[in-house]
Amino acid sequence: MTAENRKPHLQRLDLVFERSPIYFVTACMQDRRKLLATAAIHETFLRFAREGPARGAWVGAYVLMPDHLHVFVATDDEKITLSDWMKSLKNTISKALRLNGVASPHWQKTFFDHVLRSDESYSEKWNYVRENPVRARLARKAVDWPFMGEIFSLEYRSG
């Protein structure tokens, strides 16, 4: 096939890639064990998240459910990748679980991540995610769930 007969490649990469994108991440416990929605694990998560900027990661809104977590995070890819940050988060929480006598394994090996493409997708995702405890009948209203919040206010920036 000659060069003039080839189909042009789509040029989408510049629309998807951001210098410091905001990721929506979901991670589940192994066998959906209900280990996360406790005061001790919440405090461990908060400490880890607040120390994030020193490692190049900023946690926005989050919800700790009994068997999974949802978190919005932005990373400075020059300091840490999302995969490395998730590995560190999982290790930190696993250490706290072991200290509380909870045997491994704790986490599923993988996690789900999605790059947000606009401010609307952040707010839409957050509006849906924060209602998880209500849909699971763990709280009457989202604001009643004690294992959610926002550490840093993340702002979507294009280009």
C-alpha atoms as a PDB file:
ATOM      1  CA  MET A   1       0.000   0.000   0.000  1.00  0.00           C
ATOM      2  CA  THR A   2       1.419   3.388  -0.940  1.00  0.00           C
ATOM      3  CA  ALA A   3       1.567   6.348   1.404  1.00  0.00           C
ATOM      4  CA  GLU A   4      -1.166   8.225  -0.456  1.00  0.00           C
ATOM      5  CA  ASN A   5      -3.538   5.205  -0.156  1.00  0.00           C
ATOM      6  CA  ARG A   6      -3.199   4.848   3.631  1.00  0.00           C
ATOM      7  CA  LYS A   7      -5.970   6.033   5.877  1.00  0.00           C
ATOM      8  CA  PRO A   8      -4.893   8.965   8.051  1.00  0.00           C
ATOM      9  CA  HIS A   9      -4.446   8.205  11.745  1.00  0.00           C
ATOM     10  CA  LEU A  10      -6.812   9.880  14.145  1.00  0.00           C
ATOM     11  CA  GLN A  11      -5.130  12.701  16.019  1.00  0.00           C
ATOM     12  CA  ARG A  12      -6.806  12.335  19.436  1.00  0.00           C
ATOM     13  CA  LEU A  13      -3.850  11.961  21.747  1.00  0.00           C
ATOM     14  CA  ASP A  14      -3.510  15.694  22.334  1.00  0.00           C
ATOM     15  CA  LEU A  15      -7.144  15.769  23.490  1.00  0.00           C
ATOM     16  CA  VAL A  16      -6.722  12.954  26.002  1.00  0.00           C
ATOM     17  CA  PHE A  17      -3.273  13.591  27.446  1.00  0.00           C
ATOM     18  CA  GLU A  18      -2.968  16.221  30.123  1.00  0.00           C
ATOM     19  CA  ARG A  19       0.188  17.311  31.928  1.00  0.00           C
ATOM     20  CA  SER A  20      -1.377  16.375  35.279  1.00  0.00           C
ATOM     21  CA  PRO A  21      -4.674  14.713  34.497  1.00  0.00           C
ATOM     22  CA  ILE A  22      -7.290  13.986  37.105  1.00  0.00           C
ATOM     23  CA  TYR A  23      -7.930  10.273  37.433  1.00  0.00           C
ATOM     24  CA  PHE A  24     -11.041   8.620  38.784  1.00  0.00           C
ATOM     25  CA  VAL A  25      -9.846   5.414  40.452  1.00  0.00           C
ATOM     26  CA  THR A  26     -11.701   2.444  41.925  1.00  0.00           C
ATOM     27  CA  ALA A  27      -9.913  -0.305  43.860  1.00  0.00           C
ATOM     28  CA  CYS A  28     -11.586  -3.357  45.406  1.00  0.00           C
ATOM     29  CA  MET A  29     -10.740  -5.608  48.289  1.00  0.00           C
ATOM     30  CA  GLN A  30      -9.834  -9.227  47.585  1.00  0.00           C
ATOM     31  CA  ASP A  31     -13.008 -11.359  47.564  1.00  0.00           C
ATOM     32  CA  ARG A  32     -14.904  -8.115  48.294  1.00  0.00           C
ATOM     33  CA  ARG A  33     -13.933  -8.359  51.968  1.00  0.00           C
ATOM     34  CA  LYS A  34     -15.487  -5.572  54.026  1.00  0.00           C
ATOM     35  CA  LEU A  35     -12.341  -4.018  55.497  1.00  0.00           C
ATOM     36  CA  LEU A  36     -12.217  -0.341  54.556  1.00  0.00           C
ATOM     37  CA  ALA A  37     -15.102   1.466  56.255  1.00  0.00           C
ATOM     38  CA  THR A  38     -13.561   1.762  59.721  1.00  0.00           C
ATOM     39  CA  ALA A  39     -12.243   4.734  61.663  1.00  0.00           C
ATOM     40  CA  ALA A  40      -8.705   3.276  61.775  1.00  0.00           C
ATOM     41  CA  ILE A  41      -8.488   2.677  58.019  1.00  0.00           C
ATOM     42  CA  HIS A  42     -10.087   6.032  57.271  1.00  0.00           C
ATOM     43  CA  GLU A  43      -7.448   7.756  59.422  1.00  0.00           C
ATOM     44  CA  THR A  44      -4.690   5.802  57.637  1.00  0.00           C
ATOM     45  CA  PHE A  45      -6.109   6.878  54.272  1.00  0.00           C
ATOM     46  CA  LEU A  46      -6.372  10.523  55.364  1.00  0.00           C
ATOM     47  CA  ARG A  47      -2.776  10.583  56.619  1.00  0.00           C
ATOM     48  CA  PHE A  48      -1.533   9.032  53.361  1.00  0.00           C
ATOM     49  CA  ALA A  49      -3.588  11.441  51.232  1.00  0.00           C
ATOM     50  CA  ARG A  50      -2.486  14.549  53.139  1.00  0.00           C
ATOM     51  CA  GLU A  51       1.170  13.567  52.681  1.00  0.00           C
ATOM     52  CA  GLY A  52       0.602  13.044  48.950  1.00  0.00           C
ATOM     53  CA  PRO A  53       2.014  16.325  47.605  1.00  0.00           C
ATOM     54  CA  ALA A  54       5.462  15.408  48.939  1.00  0.00           C
ATOM     55  CA  ARG A  55       5.262  12.330  46.679  1.00  0.00           C
ATOM     56  CA  GLY A  56       3.662  14.154  43.751  1.00  0.00           C
ATOM     57  CA  ALA A  57       0.003  13.195  44.240  1.00  0.00           C
ATOM     58  CA  TRP A  58      -3.067  15.181  45.238  1.00  0.00           C
ATOM     59  CA  VAL A  59      -6.214  13.403  46.399  1.00  0.00           C
ATOM     60  CA  GLY A  60      -9.467  15.181  45.681  1.00  0.00           C
ATOM     61  CA  ALA A  61     -12.813  13.688  46.641  1.00  0.00           C
ATOM     62  CA  TYR A  62     -13.023  10.107  47.881  1.00  0.00           C
ATOM     63  CA  VAL A  63     -15.433   7.525  49.269  1.00  0.00           C
ATOM     64  CA  LEU A  64     -14.335   4.519  51.307  1.00  0.00           C
ATOM     65  CA  MET A  65     -16.961   1.819  51.003  1.00  0.00           C
ATOM     66  CA  PRO A  66     -16.710  -1.377  53.068  1.00  0.00           C
ATOM     67  CA  ASP A  67     -15.230  -3.409  50.182  1.00  0.00           C
ATOM     68  CA  HIS A  68     -13.883  -0.804  47.730  1.00  0.00           C
ATOM     69  CA  LEU A  69     -12.770   2.784  47.396  1.00  0.00           C
ATOM     70  CA  HIS A  70     -13.369   5.542  44.879  1.00  0.00           C
ATOM     71  CA  VAL A  71     -10.859   8.357  44.705  1.00  0.00           C
ATOM     72  CA  PHE A  72     -10.039  11.266  42.430  1.00  0.00           C
ATOM     73  CA  VAL A  73      -6.308  11.884  42.201  1.00  0.00           C
ATOM     74  CA  ALA A  74      -3.916  14.022  40.190  1.00  0.00           C
ATOM     75  CA  THR A  75      -0.277  13.004  39.915  1.00  0.00           C
ATOM     76  CA  ASP A  76       2.897  14.728  38.883  1.00  0.00           C
ATOM     77  CA  ASP A  77       4.135  12.078  36.454  1.00  0.00           C
ATOM     78  CA  GLU A  78       7.712  13.313  36.865  1.00  0.00           C
ATOM     79  CA  LYS A  79       7.564  12.267  40.535  1.00  0.00           C
ATOM     80  CA  ILE A  80       5.185   9.293  40.587  1.00  0.00           C
ATOM     81  CA  THR A  81       2.975   7.335  38.236  1.00  0.00           C
ATOM     82  CA  LEU A  82      -0.609   6.482  39.071  1.00  0.00           C
ATOM     83  CA  SER A  83       0.323   2.786  39.286  1.00  0.00           C
ATOM     84  CA  ASP A  84       3.134   3.485  41.751  1.00  0.00           C
ATOM     85  CA  TRP A  85       0.861   5.740  43.816  1.00  0.00           C
ATOM     86  CA  MET A  86      -1.833   3.049  43.963  1.00  0.00           C
ATOM     87  CA  LYS A  87       0.751   0.433  44.962  1.00  0.00           C
ATOM     88  CA  SER A  88       1.902   2.712  47.775  1.00  0.00           C
ATOM     89  CA  LEU A  89      -1.677   3.408  48.921  1.00  0.00           C
ATOM     90  CA  LYS A  90      -2.569  -0.281  48.922  1.00  0.00           C
ATOM     91  CA  ASN A  91       0.627  -1.148  50.816  1.00  0.00           C
ATOM     92  CA  THR A  92      -0.060   1.564  53.415  1.00  0.00           C
ATOM     93  CA  ILE A  93      -3.607   0.372  54.043  1.00  0.00           C
ATOM     94  CA  SER A  94      -2.523  -3.285  54.057  1.00  0.00           C
ATOM     95  CA  LYS A  95       0.092  -2.510  56.705  1.00  0.00           C
ATOM     96  CA  ALA A  96      -2.618  -0.912  58.880  1.00  0.00           C
ATOM     97  CA  LEU A  97      -4.873  -3.927  58.345  1.00  0.00           C
ATOM     98  CA  ARG A  98      -2.072  -6.333  59.326  1.00  0.00           C
ATOM     99  CA  LEU A  99      -1.390  -4.280  62.467  1.00  0.00           C
ATOM    100  CA  ASN A 100      -5.073  -4.764  63.317  1.00  0.00           C
ATOM    101  CA  GLY A 101      -4.775  -8.538  62.862  1.00  0.00           C
ATOM    102  CA  VAL A 102      -6.369  -8.806  59.419  1.00  0.00           C
ATOM    103  CA  ALA A 103      -4.666 -11.474  57.336  1.00  0.00           C
ATOM    104  CA  SER A 104      -3.646 -10.948  53.694  1.00  0.00           C
ATOM    105  CA  PRO A 105      -4.496 -10.833  50.870  1.00  0.00           C
ATOM    106  CA  HIS A 106      -6.326  -7.543  51.164  1.00  0.00           C
ATOM    107  CA  TRP A 107      -6.571  -6.071  47.664  1.00  0.00           C
ATOM    108  CA  GLN A 108      -7.453  -7.261  44.213  1.00  0.00           C
ATOM    109  CA  LYS A 109      -4.318  -7.002  42.093  1.00  0.00           C
ATOM    110  CA  THR A 110      -5.732  -4.496  39.618  1.00  0.00           C
ATOM    111  CA  PHE A 111      -7.635  -1.243  39.849  1.00  0.00           C
ATOM    112  CA  PHE A 112      -9.849   0.698  37.481  1.00  0.00           C
ATOM    113  CA  ASP A 113      -8.848   4.173  36.373  1.00  0.00           C
ATOM    114  CA  HIS A 114     -10.393   6.706  34.046  1.00  0.00           C
ATOM    115  CA  VAL A 115      -8.876  10.006  32.912  1.00  0.00           C
ATOM    116  CA  LEU A 116     -11.371  12.817  33.344  1.00  0.00           C
ATOM    117  CA  ARG A 117     -11.759  15.007  30.304  1.00  0.00           C
ATOM    118  CA  SER A 118     -13.717  17.970  31.633  1.00  0.00           C
ATOM    119  CA  ASP A 119     -14.853  19.718  34.774  1.00  0.00           C
ATOM    120  CA  GLU A 120     -18.339  18.394  34.100  1.00  0.00           C
ATOM    121  CA  SER A 121     -17.173  14.783  34.155  1.00  0.00           C
ATOM    122  CA  TYR A 122     -15.525  15.344  37.577  1.00  0.00           C
ATOM    123  CA  SER A 123     -18.675  16.811  39.089  1.00  0.00           C
ATOM    124  CA  GLU A 124     -20.920  14.248  37.378  1.00  0.00           C
ATOM    125  CA  LYS A 125     -18.764  11.346  38.601  1.00  0.00           C
ATOM    126  CA  TRP A 126     -18.557  12.797  42.105  1.00  0.00           C
ATOM    127  CA  ASN A 127     -22.335  13.349  42.260  1.00  0.00           C
ATOM    128  CA  TYR A 128     -22.831   9.682  41.376  1.00  0.00           C
ATOM    129  CA  VAL A 129     -20.056   8.262  43.593  1.00  0.00           C
ATOM    130  CA  ARG A 130     -20.954  10.161  46.745  1.00  0.00           C
ATOM    131  CA  GLU A 131     -24.389   8.513  46.654  1.00  0.00           C
ATOM    132  CA  ASN A 132     -22.851   4.994  46.864  1.00  0.00           C
ATOM    133  CA  PRO A 133     -23.422   4.668  50.628  1.00  0.00           C
ATOM    134  CA  VAL A 134     -27.087   5.620  50.151  1.00  0.00           C
ATOM    135  CA  ARG A 135     -27.603   3.137  47.299  1.00  0.00           C
ATOM    136  CA  ALA A 136     -25.910   0.455  49.445  1.00  0.00           C
ATOM    137  CA  ARG A 137     -28.243   1.392  52.348  1.00  0.00           C
ATOM    138  CA  LEU A 138     -25.306   2.252  54.581  1.00  0.00           C
ATOM    139  CA  ALA A 139     -26.542   5.814  55.138  1.00  0.00           C
ATOM    140  CA  ARG A 140     -29.844   7.642  54.716  1.00  0.00           C
ATOM    141  CA  LYS A 141     -28.112  10.661  53.160  1.00  0.00           C
ATOM    142  CA  ALA A 142     -24.671  10.894  51.561  1.00  0.00           C
ATOM    143  CA  VAL A 143     -23.571  13.536  54.073  1.00  0.00           C
ATOM    144  CA  ASP A 144     -24.189  11.028  56.880  1.00  0.00           C
ATOM    145  CA  TRP A 145     -21.489   8.615  55.601  1.00  0.00           C
ATOM    146  CA  PRO A 146     -18.397   9.234  57.751  1.00  0.00           C
ATOM    147  CA  PHE A 147     -15.866   7.695  55.327  1.00  0.00           C
ATOM    148  CA  MET A 148     -15.845  10.250  52.533  1.00  0.00           C
ATOM    149  CA  GLY A 149     -14.608  13.743  51.904  1.00  0.00           C
ATOM    150  CA  GLU A 150     -12.176  15.851  49.949  1.00  0.00           C
ATOM    151  CA  ILE A 151      -8.506  16.393  50.750  1.00  0.00           C
ATOM    152  CA  PHE A 152      -7.516  18.855  48.020  1.00  0.00           C
ATOM    153  CA  SER A 153      -9.724  20.781  45.632  1.00  0.00           C
ATOM    154  CA  LEU A 154      -8.749  19.484  42.196  1.00  0.00           C
ATOM    155  CA  GLU A 155      -9.346  21.663  39.185  1.00  0.00           C
ATOM    156  CA  TYR A 156      -9.550  20.439  35.625  1.00  0.00           C
ATOM    157  CA  ARG A 157      -7.328  22.373  33.213  1.00  0.00           C
ATOM    158  CA  SER A 158      -7.262  21.710  29.507  1.00  0.00           C
ATOM    159  CA  GLY A 159      -4.179  22.021  27.343  1.00  0.00           C
END
